Amino acid sequence: MTDARSALLAAYLERRGDLTRFFTLRLKSAAAAEDLVQDIYLRIAAVEPSVEVRNAAGYLYRLGSNLMLDRIRGERRSAARDHEWRDNHRTLIGSDEVSEDPSADDAVAARQRLAAIVAIVSELPEQTQRVFRMHKFEGLSHAEVAQALGISRSAVEKHCMTVLKRLAERLN
C-alpha cells in the first residue's frame, strides 16, 4: 500500500492543470491560482505518510478551497485594516486629500539641520551634553535633571543656556 503523501503527490501531478483552471475561475486571476496550486503542493509535501486519505482528488480540491478562503479572508482583513489606517491618517480639505508629509526638499533640509545640531552639541563638554539631552530629549524638568545628576538647578540652566547660545551662534 502506498502512503498518503505519495498518493496525494501523484494525484496532484495528474490534476495540476485542472486545479489551476478551477482556481483561476474562482480567483479571477491566473497568477493567484498558480500561487494557490503551489501552496497545495507545499501542503501535501508536508503530509505525514501515516495519514489516511481515501479520496486524493477530493482532498486536493478541499485543501485548495480552504487555502483560497484563508487567503481571501486575510486579504479582506488587510484591506479593512489598511482602509481604517488610511481614514485615520489623512487630512481632507473639502473633498480633496492633502498630504501632511513634508516635501522632499524640506525633509532633506531638516535632516541637514539635525546633523548640524548634533555636530555642534557633540563639541560641548560631556556634562553639558548630558544635561541638554536629559532636559530636551528625555523631557525632564530642570529640577529633575539637577536631582538626577546631583547638581544645582542653576547649573542645569547654565548648561542649557550654553547649548542654546552655541546653537544660535553657529546655525544663524
N, C-alpha and C. Protein backbone atom coordinates (compact mmCIF):
# COMPACT_ATOMS: atom_id res chain seq x y z
N MET A 1 0.84 -1.20 0.00
CA MET A 1 0.00 0.00 0.00
C MET A 1 0.88 1.25 0.00
N THR A 2 0.54 2.22 -0.80
CA THR A 2 1.31 3.45 -0.87
C THR A 2 0.89 4.37 0.26
N ASP A 3 1.82 5.23 0.66
CA ASP A 3 1.48 6.16 1.74
C ASP A 3 0.67 7.34 1.19
N ALA A 4 0.09 8.11 2.08
CA ALA A 4 -0.82 9.21 1.70
C ALA A 4 -0.08 10.26 0.90
N ARG A 5 1.14 10.59 1.30
CA ARG A 5 1.89 11.63 0.58
C ARG A 5 2.11 11.23 -0.88
N SER A 6 2.51 9.98 -1.11
CA SER A 6 2.74 9.53 -2.48
C SER A 6 1.46 9.58 -3.31
N ALA A 7 0.36 9.15 -2.71
CA ALA A 7 -0.92 9.17 -3.41
C ALA A 7 -1.34 10.61 -3.73
N LEU A 8 -1.14 11.50 -2.76
CA LEU A 8 -1.51 12.90 -2.98
C LEU A 8 -0.62 13.55 -4.03
N LEU A 9 0.67 13.26 -4.00
CA LEU A 9 1.58 13.82 -5.00
C LEU A 9 1.24 13.33 -6.40
N ALA A 10 0.92 12.05 -6.50
CA ALA A 10 0.54 11.50 -7.80
C ALA A 10 -0.75 12.17 -8.30
N ALA A 11 -1.73 12.32 -7.42
CA ALA A 11 -2.99 12.97 -7.80
C ALA A 11 -2.74 14.44 -8.16
N TYR A 12 -1.87 15.09 -7.43
CA TYR A 12 -1.53 16.49 -7.69
C TYR A 12 -0.93 16.64 -9.09
N LEU A 13 0.07 15.80 -9.38
CA LEU A 13 0.73 15.88 -10.69
C LEU A 13 -0.24 15.59 -11.83
N GLU A 14 -1.14 14.67 -11.60
CA GLU A 14 -2.13 14.31 -12.61
C GLU A 14 -3.15 15.43 -12.83
N ARG A 15 -3.52 16.14 -11.76
CA ARG A 15 -4.60 17.13 -11.84
C ARG A 15 -4.13 18.58 -11.72
N ARG A 16 -2.86 18.83 -11.80
CA ARG A 16 -2.33 20.19 -11.60
C ARG A 16 -3.00 21.19 -12.55
N GLY A 17 -3.10 20.85 -13.81
CA GLY A 17 -3.74 21.74 -14.79
C GLY A 17 -5.20 22.00 -14.45
N ASP A 18 -5.91 20.94 -14.06
CA ASP A 18 -7.32 21.10 -13.68
C ASP A 18 -7.45 21.99 -12.45
N LEU A 19 -6.57 21.77 -11.48
CA LEU A 19 -6.60 22.60 -10.26
C LEU A 19 -6.37 24.07 -10.61
N THR A 20 -5.41 24.30 -11.49
CA THR A 20 -5.10 25.68 -11.87
C THR A 20 -6.30 26.34 -12.55
N ARG A 21 -6.92 25.64 -13.49
CA ARG A 21 -8.10 26.19 -14.16
C ARG A 21 -9.25 26.41 -13.18
N PHE A 22 -9.47 25.44 -12.29
CA PHE A 22 -10.55 25.53 -11.30
C PHE A 22 -10.38 26.78 -10.43
N PHE A 23 -9.18 26.99 -9.93
CA PHE A 23 -8.97 28.13 -9.04
C PHE A 23 -8.80 29.44 -9.80
N THR A 24 -8.40 29.39 -11.06
CA THR A 24 -8.36 30.62 -11.87
C THR A 24 -9.76 31.18 -12.04
N LEU A 25 -10.74 30.32 -12.28
CA LEU A 25 -12.12 30.77 -12.41
C LEU A 25 -12.64 31.38 -11.11
N ARG A 26 -12.28 30.81 -10.00
CA ARG A 26 -12.78 31.29 -8.72
C ARG A 26 -12.07 32.56 -8.25
N LEU A 27 -10.77 32.62 -8.49
CA LEU A 27 -9.99 33.78 -8.04
C LEU A 27 -9.94 34.90 -9.09
N LYS A 28 -10.34 34.58 -10.32
CA LYS A 28 -10.30 35.55 -11.42
C LYS A 28 -8.90 36.09 -11.66
N SER A 29 -7.91 35.23 -11.41
CA SER A 29 -6.51 35.61 -11.63
C SER A 29 -5.68 34.35 -11.83
N ALA A 30 -5.04 34.26 -12.97
CA ALA A 30 -4.20 33.09 -13.23
C ALA A 30 -2.99 33.07 -12.30
N ALA A 31 -2.44 34.24 -12.00
CA ALA A 31 -1.27 34.31 -11.12
C ALA A 31 -1.63 33.87 -9.70
N ALA A 32 -2.78 34.33 -9.21
CA ALA A 32 -3.23 33.93 -7.87
C ALA A 32 -3.51 32.44 -7.83
N ALA A 33 -4.09 31.90 -8.89
CA ALA A 33 -4.37 30.46 -8.95
C ALA A 33 -3.06 29.67 -8.95
N GLU A 34 -2.07 30.11 -9.70
CA GLU A 34 -0.77 29.44 -9.72
C GLU A 34 -0.15 29.43 -8.32
N ASP A 35 -0.23 30.54 -7.63
CA ASP A 35 0.30 30.61 -6.27
C ASP A 35 -0.44 29.63 -5.36
N LEU A 36 -1.75 29.58 -5.50
CA LEU A 36 -2.56 28.69 -4.67
C LEU A 36 -2.23 27.23 -4.95
N VAL A 37 -2.10 26.87 -6.22
CA VAL A 37 -1.77 25.49 -6.58
C VAL A 37 -0.39 25.13 -6.06
N GLN A 38 0.52 26.09 -6.07
CA GLN A 38 1.85 25.85 -5.49
C GLN A 38 1.74 25.63 -3.98
N ASP A 39 0.88 26.40 -3.33
CA ASP A 39 0.66 26.22 -1.89
C ASP A 39 0.08 24.84 -1.59
N ILE A 40 -0.79 24.35 -2.48
CA ILE A 40 -1.33 23.00 -2.31
C ILE A 40 -0.18 21.99 -2.31
N TYR A 41 0.72 22.14 -3.27
CA TYR A 41 1.86 21.23 -3.36
C TYR A 41 2.68 21.27 -2.06
N LEU A 42 2.95 22.46 -1.57
CA LEU A 42 3.74 22.58 -0.34
C LEU A 42 3.05 21.89 0.83
N ARG A 43 1.74 22.03 0.90
CA ARG A 43 1.00 21.39 1.99
C ARG A 43 1.02 19.87 1.88
N ILE A 44 0.83 19.35 0.66
CA ILE A 44 0.79 17.89 0.55
C ILE A 44 2.18 17.29 0.67
N ALA A 45 3.20 18.05 0.34
CA ALA A 45 4.57 17.55 0.50
C ALA A 45 4.91 17.40 1.98
N ALA A 46 4.19 18.12 2.84
CA ALA A 46 4.44 18.06 4.27
C ALA A 46 3.52 17.09 5.01
N VAL A 47 2.63 16.41 4.28
CA VAL A 47 1.70 15.47 4.90
C VAL A 47 2.48 14.27 5.44
N GLU A 48 2.14 13.87 6.62
CA GLU A 48 2.77 12.69 7.22
C GLU A 48 2.37 11.44 6.44
N PRO A 49 3.31 10.54 6.19
CA PRO A 49 2.99 9.33 5.42
C PRO A 49 1.92 8.45 6.08
N SER A 50 1.76 8.57 7.38
CA SER A 50 0.81 7.72 8.08
C SER A 50 -0.64 8.22 7.99
N VAL A 51 -0.85 9.43 7.46
CA VAL A 51 -2.20 9.99 7.34
C VAL A 51 -2.97 9.20 6.28
N GLU A 52 -4.23 8.93 6.58
CA GLU A 52 -5.07 8.18 5.63
C GLU A 52 -5.93 9.15 4.83
N VAL A 53 -5.83 9.04 3.50
CA VAL A 53 -6.63 9.86 2.60
C VAL A 53 -7.36 8.90 1.68
N ARG A 54 -8.68 8.93 1.72
CA ARG A 54 -9.47 7.99 0.90
C ARG A 54 -9.67 8.50 -0.53
N ASN A 55 -9.83 9.81 -0.68
CA ASN A 55 -10.07 10.38 -2.00
C ASN A 55 -9.06 11.49 -2.22
N ALA A 56 -7.97 11.17 -2.91
CA ALA A 56 -6.88 12.13 -3.10
C ALA A 56 -7.34 13.37 -3.85
N ALA A 57 -8.11 13.19 -4.91
CA ALA A 57 -8.56 14.34 -5.71
C ALA A 57 -9.47 15.24 -4.87
N GLY A 58 -10.39 14.64 -4.14
CA GLY A 58 -11.26 15.42 -3.26
C GLY A 58 -10.47 16.17 -2.21
N TYR A 59 -9.46 15.51 -1.68
CA TYR A 59 -8.59 16.14 -0.67
C TYR A 59 -7.89 17.37 -1.27
N LEU A 60 -7.38 17.24 -2.50
CA LEU A 60 -6.68 18.36 -3.15
C LEU A 60 -7.62 19.55 -3.35
N TYR A 61 -8.82 19.30 -3.83
CA TYR A 61 -9.76 20.40 -4.06
C TYR A 61 -10.22 21.03 -2.74
N ARG A 62 -10.44 20.20 -1.73
CA ARG A 62 -10.84 20.72 -0.42
C ARG A 62 -9.71 21.55 0.17
N LEU A 63 -8.48 21.03 0.10
CA LEU A 63 -7.31 21.77 0.61
C LEU A 63 -7.17 23.09 -0.13
N GLY A 64 -7.29 23.07 -1.46
CA GLY A 64 -7.20 24.30 -2.23
C GLY A 64 -8.30 25.29 -1.89
N SER A 65 -9.50 24.79 -1.70
CA SER A 65 -10.62 25.68 -1.33
C SER A 65 -10.38 26.32 0.03
N ASN A 66 -9.90 25.52 0.97
CA ASN A 66 -9.61 26.07 2.30
C ASN A 66 -8.50 27.12 2.23
N LEU A 67 -7.46 26.84 1.45
CA LEU A 67 -6.37 27.82 1.30
C LEU A 67 -6.88 29.09 0.62
N MET A 68 -7.75 28.93 -0.37
CA MET A 68 -8.32 30.07 -1.08
C MET A 68 -9.14 30.93 -0.11
N LEU A 69 -9.98 30.29 0.69
CA LEU A 69 -10.79 31.04 1.66
C LEU A 69 -9.92 31.74 2.69
N ASP A 70 -8.88 31.06 3.16
CA ASP A 70 -7.96 31.70 4.10
C ASP A 70 -7.30 32.92 3.48
N ARG A 71 -6.91 32.80 2.22
CA ARG A 71 -6.27 33.92 1.52
C ARG A 71 -7.25 35.07 1.35
N ILE A 72 -8.47 34.77 0.96
CA ILE A 72 -9.48 35.82 0.77
C ILE A 72 -9.78 36.52 2.09
N ARG A 73 -9.93 35.74 3.15
CA ARG A 73 -10.18 36.35 4.47
C ARG A 73 -9.01 37.24 4.89
N GLY A 74 -7.80 36.76 4.67
CA GLY A 74 -6.62 37.55 5.01
C GLY A 74 -6.55 38.85 4.22
N GLU A 75 -6.88 38.77 2.93
CA GLU A 75 -6.89 39.98 2.10
C GLU A 75 -7.96 40.96 2.56
N ARG A 76 -9.11 40.44 2.95
CA ARG A 76 -10.17 41.32 3.45
C ARG A 76 -9.77 42.00 4.75
N ARG A 77 -9.17 41.22 5.66
CA ARG A 77 -8.71 41.81 6.92
C ARG A 77 -7.66 42.87 6.65
N SER A 78 -6.75 42.56 5.77
CA SER A 78 -5.69 43.50 5.43
C SER A 78 -6.27 44.76 4.79
N ALA A 79 -7.21 44.59 3.87
CA ALA A 79 -7.83 45.75 3.22
C ALA A 79 -8.59 46.60 4.24
N ALA A 80 -9.31 45.95 5.15
CA ALA A 80 -10.05 46.70 6.17
C ALA A 80 -9.09 47.45 7.09
N ARG A 81 -8.01 46.78 7.49
CA ARG A 81 -7.01 47.41 8.35
C ARG A 81 -6.36 48.60 7.63
N ASP A 82 -6.01 48.41 6.36
CA ASP A 82 -5.39 49.49 5.58
C ASP A 82 -6.36 50.65 5.40
N HIS A 83 -7.63 50.33 5.12
CA HIS A 83 -8.64 51.38 4.93
C HIS A 83 -8.83 52.18 6.23
N GLU A 84 -8.91 51.47 7.34
CA GLU A 84 -9.08 52.16 8.63
C GLU A 84 -7.88 53.04 8.95
N TRP A 85 -6.67 52.51 8.70
CA TRP A 85 -5.47 53.29 8.96
C TRP A 85 -5.46 54.54 8.07
N ARG A 86 -5.81 54.35 6.79
CA ARG A 86 -5.80 55.47 5.85
C ARG A 86 -6.81 56.53 6.28
N ASP A 87 -8.00 56.10 6.72
CA ASP A 87 -9.01 57.06 7.17
C ASP A 87 -8.55 57.84 8.39
N ASN A 88 -7.78 57.19 9.25
CA ASN A 88 -7.32 57.85 10.47
C ASN A 88 -6.04 58.67 10.27
N HIS A 89 -5.38 58.51 9.14
CA HIS A 89 -4.09 59.18 8.93
C HIS A 89 -4.08 60.01 7.65
N ARG A 90 -5.14 60.68 7.37
CA ARG A 90 -5.16 61.57 6.21
C ARG A 90 -5.91 62.83 6.57
N THR A 91 -5.66 63.84 5.80
CA THR A 91 -6.30 65.13 6.03
C THR A 91 -7.10 65.49 4.79
N LEU A 92 -8.33 65.86 5.01
CA LEU A 92 -9.19 66.28 3.91
C LEU A 92 -9.49 67.77 4.05
N ILE A 93 -9.39 68.46 2.94
CA ILE A 93 -9.82 69.85 2.87
C ILE A 93 -10.92 69.86 1.82
N GLY A 94 -12.13 69.98 2.31
CA GLY A 94 -13.28 69.80 1.42
C GLY A 94 -13.34 68.33 1.05
N SER A 95 -13.29 68.05 -0.24
CA SER A 95 -13.27 66.65 -0.67
C SER A 95 -11.90 66.24 -1.19
N ASP A 96 -10.91 67.13 -1.06
CA ASP A 96 -9.56 66.86 -1.54
C ASP A 96 -8.67 66.36 -0.41
N GLU A 97 -7.93 65.31 -0.71
CA GLU A 97 -6.98 64.78 0.27
C GLU A 97 -5.68 65.57 0.16
N VAL A 98 -5.16 65.97 1.31
CA VAL A 98 -3.94 66.77 1.35
C VAL A 98 -2.87 65.98 2.07
N SER A 99 -1.69 65.96 1.51
CA SER A 99 -0.58 65.24 2.12
C SER A 99 -0.02 66.06 3.28
N GLU A 100 0.20 65.39 4.40
CA GLU A 100 0.81 66.05 5.55
C GLU A 100 2.31 65.83 5.58
N ASP A 101 2.81 65.03 4.67
CA ASP A 101 4.24 64.77 4.62
C ASP A 101 4.97 66.01 4.11
N PRO A 102 6.14 66.26 4.68
CA PRO A 102 6.90 67.41 4.17
C PRO A 102 7.40 67.12 2.76
N SER A 103 7.69 68.18 2.04
CA SER A 103 8.24 67.98 0.70
C SER A 103 9.63 67.35 0.83
N ALA A 104 10.12 66.80 -0.25
CA ALA A 104 11.44 66.17 -0.23
C ALA A 104 12.51 67.18 0.15
N ASP A 105 12.40 68.41 -0.37
CA ASP A 105 13.38 69.44 -0.04
C ASP A 105 13.36 69.77 1.45
N ASP A 106 12.15 69.88 2.01
CA ASP A 106 12.03 70.18 3.44
C ASP A 106 12.59 69.04 4.29
N ALA A 107 12.35 67.80 3.88
CA ALA A 107 12.87 66.66 4.63
C ALA A 107 14.39 66.64 4.61
N VAL A 108 14.99 66.90 3.46
CA VAL A 108 16.45 66.93 3.35
C VAL A 108 17.01 68.07 4.20
N ALA A 109 16.38 69.23 4.12
CA ALA A 109 16.83 70.38 4.92
C ALA A 109 16.75 70.08 6.42
N ALA A 110 15.68 69.42 6.83
CA ALA A 110 15.53 69.07 8.26
C ALA A 110 16.61 68.09 8.70
N ARG A 111 16.92 67.11 7.85
CA ARG A 111 17.98 66.16 8.19
C ARG A 111 19.33 66.87 8.31
N GLN A 112 19.58 67.78 7.38
CA GLN A 112 20.85 68.51 7.42
C GLN A 112 20.93 69.37 8.68
N ARG A 113 19.83 70.02 9.02
CA ARG A 113 19.81 70.86 10.23
C ARG A 113 20.02 70.01 11.48
N LEU A 114 19.38 68.86 11.54
CA LEU A 114 19.56 67.97 12.69
C LEU A 114 21.01 67.49 12.78
N ALA A 115 21.60 67.15 11.66
CA ALA A 115 23.01 66.72 11.66
C ALA A 115 23.90 67.84 12.16
N ALA A 116 23.61 69.08 11.77
CA ALA A 116 24.40 70.22 12.23
C ALA A 116 24.23 70.42 13.74
N ILE A 117 23.01 70.27 14.24
CA ILE A 117 22.76 70.41 15.68
C ILE A 117 23.51 69.34 16.46
N VAL A 118 23.44 68.10 16.00
CA VAL A 118 24.14 67.01 16.67
C VAL A 118 25.64 67.27 16.68
N ALA A 119 26.19 67.76 15.57
CA ALA A 119 27.62 68.04 15.50
C ALA A 119 28.01 69.15 16.47
N ILE A 120 27.21 70.20 16.54
CA ILE A 120 27.51 71.31 17.45
C ILE A 120 27.43 70.86 18.90
N VAL A 121 26.40 70.12 19.24
CA VAL A 121 26.24 69.66 20.63
C VAL A 121 27.37 68.70 21.01
N SER A 122 27.81 67.89 20.06
CA SER A 122 28.87 66.92 20.38
C SER A 122 30.22 67.59 20.64
N GLU A 123 30.38 68.85 20.28
CA GLU A 123 31.62 69.58 20.55
C GLU A 123 31.68 70.08 21.99
N LEU A 124 30.56 70.09 22.67
CA LEU A 124 30.48 70.63 24.03
C LEU A 124 30.94 69.59 25.05
N PRO A 125 31.24 70.04 26.27
CA PRO A 125 31.66 69.09 27.32
C PRO A 125 30.58 68.03 27.58
N GLU A 126 31.02 66.87 28.02
CA GLU A 126 30.12 65.72 28.24
C GLU A 126 28.99 66.06 29.20
N GLN A 127 29.28 66.75 30.28
CA GLN A 127 28.25 67.10 31.28
C GLN A 127 27.19 68.01 30.65
N THR A 128 27.62 68.95 29.83
CA THR A 128 26.68 69.85 29.16
C THR A 128 25.79 69.06 28.20
N GLN A 129 26.39 68.14 27.46
CA GLN A 129 25.61 67.29 26.55
C GLN A 129 24.58 66.48 27.32
N ARG A 130 25.01 65.89 28.44
CA ARG A 130 24.13 65.04 29.24
C ARG A 130 22.95 65.85 29.76
N VAL A 131 23.22 67.05 30.29
CA VAL A 131 22.15 67.90 30.82
C VAL A 131 21.17 68.26 29.70
N PHE A 132 21.70 68.67 28.57
CA PHE A 132 20.85 69.07 27.44
C PHE A 132 20.00 67.90 26.96
N ARG A 133 20.60 66.73 26.83
CA ARG A 133 19.88 65.55 26.36
C ARG A 133 18.76 65.18 27.34
N MET A 134 19.05 65.19 28.64
CA MET A 134 18.03 64.84 29.63
C MET A 134 16.87 65.83 29.62
N HIS A 135 17.20 67.11 29.47
CA HIS A 135 16.15 68.13 29.51
C HIS A 135 15.36 68.18 28.21
N LYS A 136 16.03 68.25 27.08
CA LYS A 136 15.33 68.45 25.80
C LYS A 136 14.80 67.17 25.18
N PHE A 137 15.53 66.07 25.29
CA PHE A 137 15.11 64.85 24.63
C PHE A 137 14.35 63.90 25.54
N GLU A 138 14.72 63.84 26.80
CA GLU A 138 14.02 62.95 27.73
C GLU A 138 12.88 63.66 28.44
N GLY A 139 12.80 64.98 28.29
CA GLY A 139 11.67 65.74 28.80
C GLY A 139 11.69 66.00 30.31
N LEU A 140 12.85 65.86 30.92
CA LEU A 140 12.93 66.12 32.36
C LEU A 140 12.99 67.62 32.63
N SER A 141 12.41 68.04 33.73
CA SER A 141 12.47 69.45 34.12
C SER A 141 13.88 69.77 34.61
N HIS A 142 14.17 71.06 34.76
CA HIS A 142 15.49 71.45 35.28
C HIS A 142 15.72 70.85 36.66
N ALA A 143 14.69 70.86 37.49
CA ALA A 143 14.82 70.32 38.85
C ALA A 143 15.09 68.81 38.81
N GLU A 144 14.41 68.09 37.91
CA GLU A 144 14.61 66.63 37.80
C GLU A 144 16.01 66.30 37.30
N VAL A 145 16.50 67.08 36.34
CA VAL A 145 17.86 66.86 35.84
C VAL A 145 18.86 67.13 36.95
N ALA A 146 18.66 68.22 37.67
CA ALA A 146 19.55 68.58 38.77
C ALA A 146 19.61 67.46 39.81
N GLN A 147 18.47 66.94 40.17
CA GLN A 147 18.42 65.87 41.16
C GLN A 147 19.09 64.60 40.63
N ALA A 148 18.83 64.24 39.38
CA ALA A 148 19.40 63.03 38.80
C ALA A 148 20.92 63.10 38.71
N LEU A 149 21.46 64.29 38.43
CA LEU A 149 22.91 64.43 38.26
C LEU A 149 23.63 64.93 39.51
N GLY A 150 22.86 65.30 40.51
CA GLY A 150 23.46 65.77 41.75
C GLY A 150 24.11 67.14 41.60
N ILE A 151 23.48 67.99 40.79
CA ILE A 151 23.98 69.36 40.63
C ILE A 151 22.83 70.31 40.92
N SER A 152 23.15 71.60 40.98
CA SER A 152 22.11 72.58 41.29
C SER A 152 21.24 72.86 40.07
N ARG A 153 20.07 73.38 40.35
CA ARG A 153 19.17 73.74 39.26
C ARG A 153 19.78 74.86 38.43
N SER A 154 20.46 75.76 39.09
CA SER A 154 21.13 76.86 38.40
C SER A 154 22.18 76.33 37.42
N ALA A 155 22.89 75.26 37.81
CA ALA A 155 23.90 74.66 36.93
C ALA A 155 23.23 74.05 35.70
N VAL A 156 22.09 73.43 35.90
CA VAL A 156 21.34 72.86 34.78
C VAL A 156 20.95 73.97 33.81
N GLU A 157 20.44 75.08 34.34
CA GLU A 157 20.03 76.20 33.50
C GLU A 157 21.22 76.76 32.72
N LYS A 158 22.38 76.84 33.38
CA LYS A 158 23.58 77.36 32.71
C LYS A 158 24.02 76.43 31.59
N HIS A 159 24.00 75.13 31.83
CA HIS A 159 24.37 74.16 30.78
C HIS A 159 23.44 74.29 29.58
N CYS A 160 22.13 74.40 29.85
CA CYS A 160 21.15 74.52 28.76
C CYS A 160 21.37 75.83 27.99
N MET A 161 21.64 76.90 28.69
CA MET A 161 21.88 78.18 28.03
C MET A 161 23.15 78.13 27.19
N THR A 162 24.17 77.41 27.66
CA THR A 162 25.41 77.27 26.89
C THR A 162 25.12 76.61 25.55
N VAL A 163 24.33 75.53 25.58
CA VAL A 163 24.00 74.83 24.34
C VAL A 163 23.18 75.72 23.43
N LEU A 164 22.17 76.38 23.96
CA LEU A 164 21.30 77.21 23.14
C LEU A 164 22.06 78.39 22.52
N LYS A 165 22.98 78.99 23.28
CA LYS A 165 23.79 80.07 22.75
C LYS A 165 24.67 79.58 21.61
N ARG A 166 25.31 78.42 21.82
CA ARG A 166 26.19 77.85 20.79
C ARG A 166 25.40 77.54 19.52
N LEU A 167 24.21 76.98 19.68
CA LEU A 167 23.37 76.67 18.53
C LEU A 167 22.96 77.94 17.80
N ALA A 168 22.59 79.00 18.54
CA ALA A 168 22.17 80.25 17.92
C ALA A 168 23.33 80.88 17.15
N GLU A 169 24.53 80.81 17.71
CA GLU A 169 25.71 81.38 17.04
C GLU A 169 26.03 80.64 15.74
N ARG A 170 26.02 79.34 15.80
CA ARG A 170 26.50 78.53 14.68
C ARG A 170 25.45 78.27 13.60
N LEU A 171 24.17 78.31 13.97
CA LEU A 171 23.15 77.99 12.99
C LEU A 171 22.61 79.23 12.27
N ASN A 172 22.88 80.40 12.77
CA ASN A 172 22.36 81.61 12.11
C ASN A 172 23.39 82.31 11.31
